[in-house]
Every structure is written in C-alpha cells, then in structure tokens.
Amino acid sequence: MQHIEEVRNILSDVLSLGERRNSLNADSPLLGAIPELDSMAVVNVITALEDHFDITVDDDEISAKTFETVGSLTQFVEQKLAE
C-alpha cells in the first residue's frame, strides 16, 4: 500500500482530525468509528481523493466496504490508479 500516507493525510485534512491522524493505520476503522465521517464528509473525501490522485470515481463504485478501514480505502484508490 504505497499510497496509505497520502490517504491518511487527505482523511486528516478533510475531517480535521489533528493529532488523531497519527493513530490511523491500515486497520483503522472509518465508518462508524470516526464521528466526523458522515455522508457529507464521505463526498468531500471522495472529491479530495479524485483531485489529489487525478482519478474519477463513479457513484456505483463506492460502498460501505470501501470506507470500512483506511486500508480498504487505500486499496480502492490504488485499484483506480491501476485502471
């Protein structure tokens, strides 16, 4: 997972996590575990990922499983980059 640091930074910036960013790792749960990650924040995170990585995410590609952990979100981004 070569892009995990960038995904962590984006999550931290969009959600204003501050020092909590340091505790995020591949196994860190997202949905339901980070109060700031509501439906609007998910949209903002996706937009930030699209801008940063120059990818396009279609609505039907995103599921709760994508946002299960930091690792699953990173894997999603890396799959998009490989397309």
Protein backbone atom coordinates (compact mmCIF):
# COMPACT_ATOMS: atom_id res chain seq x y z
CA MET A 1 0.00 0.00 0.00
CA GLN A 2 2.25 2.70 -1.27
CA HIS A 3 -0.38 5.46 -1.07
CA ILE A 4 -1.54 4.96 2.51
CA GLU A 5 0.29 8.04 3.78
CA GLU A 6 -1.41 10.25 1.20
CA VAL A 7 -4.82 8.75 2.02
CA ARG A 8 -4.18 9.35 5.74
CA ASN A 9 -3.27 12.97 5.01
CA ILE A 10 -6.41 13.51 2.94
CA LEU A 11 -8.62 11.97 5.62
CA SER A 12 -6.96 14.10 8.26
CA ASP A 13 -7.31 17.31 6.24
CA VAL A 14 -10.92 16.78 5.15
CA LEU A 15 -12.09 15.58 8.57
CA SER A 16 -9.88 17.98 10.58
CA LEU A 17 -8.54 15.10 12.68
CA GLY A 18 -5.49 16.93 14.02
CA GLU A 19 -3.34 14.68 16.20
CA ARG A 20 -5.77 11.76 15.75
CA ARG A 21 -4.22 11.39 12.28
CA ASN A 22 -1.18 9.80 13.92
CA SER A 23 -3.25 6.85 15.16
CA LEU A 24 -4.57 5.97 11.68
CA ASN A 25 -3.14 2.81 10.15
CA ALA A 26 -4.32 0.31 7.53
CA ASP A 27 -6.55 -1.49 10.04
CA SER A 28 -8.15 1.67 11.48
CA PRO A 29 -11.93 1.54 11.06
CA LEU A 30 -13.57 4.52 9.35
CA LEU A 31 -17.37 4.42 9.00
CA GLY A 32 -18.94 4.34 12.43
CA ALA A 33 -15.60 4.87 14.19
CA ILE A 34 -14.84 8.47 13.22
CA PRO A 35 -17.76 10.75 14.15
CA GLU A 36 -16.70 13.37 11.59
CA LEU A 37 -17.11 10.87 8.75
CA ASP A 38 -20.78 11.43 7.92
CA SER A 39 -22.40 11.26 4.48
CA MET A 40 -21.30 14.77 3.50
CA ALA A 41 -17.76 14.08 4.66
CA VAL A 42 -17.66 10.91 2.53
CA VAL A 43 -18.48 13.05 -0.51
CA ASN A 44 -15.76 15.53 0.45
CA VAL A 45 -13.20 12.74 0.96
CA ILE A 46 -14.04 11.25 -2.44
CA THR A 47 -13.69 14.67 -4.09
CA ALA A 48 -10.34 15.23 -2.37
CA LEU A 49 -9.11 11.80 -3.48
CA GLU A 50 -10.20 12.49 -7.06
CA ASP A 51 -8.39 15.84 -7.07
CA HIS A 52 -5.21 14.57 -5.42
CA PHE A 53 -4.82 11.36 -7.43
CA ASP A 54 -6.42 12.62 -10.65
CA ILE A 55 -8.95 9.78 -10.68
CA THR A 56 -12.67 9.66 -11.35
CA VAL A 57 -14.98 7.78 -9.01
CA ASP A 58 -18.45 6.80 -10.19
CA ASP A 59 -21.28 6.62 -7.67
CA ASP A 60 -21.79 2.91 -8.25
CA GLU A 61 -18.15 2.14 -7.35
CA ILE A 62 -18.47 3.29 -3.75
CA SER A 63 -19.87 1.12 -0.98
CA ALA A 64 -19.63 0.98 2.78
CA LYS A 65 -16.95 -1.68 2.29
CA THR A 66 -14.76 0.93 0.54
CA PHE A 67 -14.84 3.06 3.69
CA GLU A 68 -14.53 0.14 6.12
CA THR A 69 -10.88 0.83 7.01
CA VAL A 70 -8.04 3.11 5.97
CA GLY A 71 -6.56 0.09 4.20
CA SER A 72 -9.71 -0.66 2.20
CA LEU A 73 -9.93 2.97 1.11
CA THR A 74 -6.25 2.92 0.10
CA GLN A 75 -6.76 -0.31 -1.86
CA PHE A 76 -9.69 1.31 -3.67
CA VAL A 77 -7.53 4.29 -4.64
CA GLU A 78 -4.73 2.02 -5.84
CA GLN A 79 -7.18 0.00 -7.95
CA LYS A 80 -8.41 3.24 -9.53
CA LEU A 81 -4.83 4.31 -10.25
CA ALA A 82 -4.14 0.98 -11.97
CA GLU A 83 -7.06 1.41 -14.40
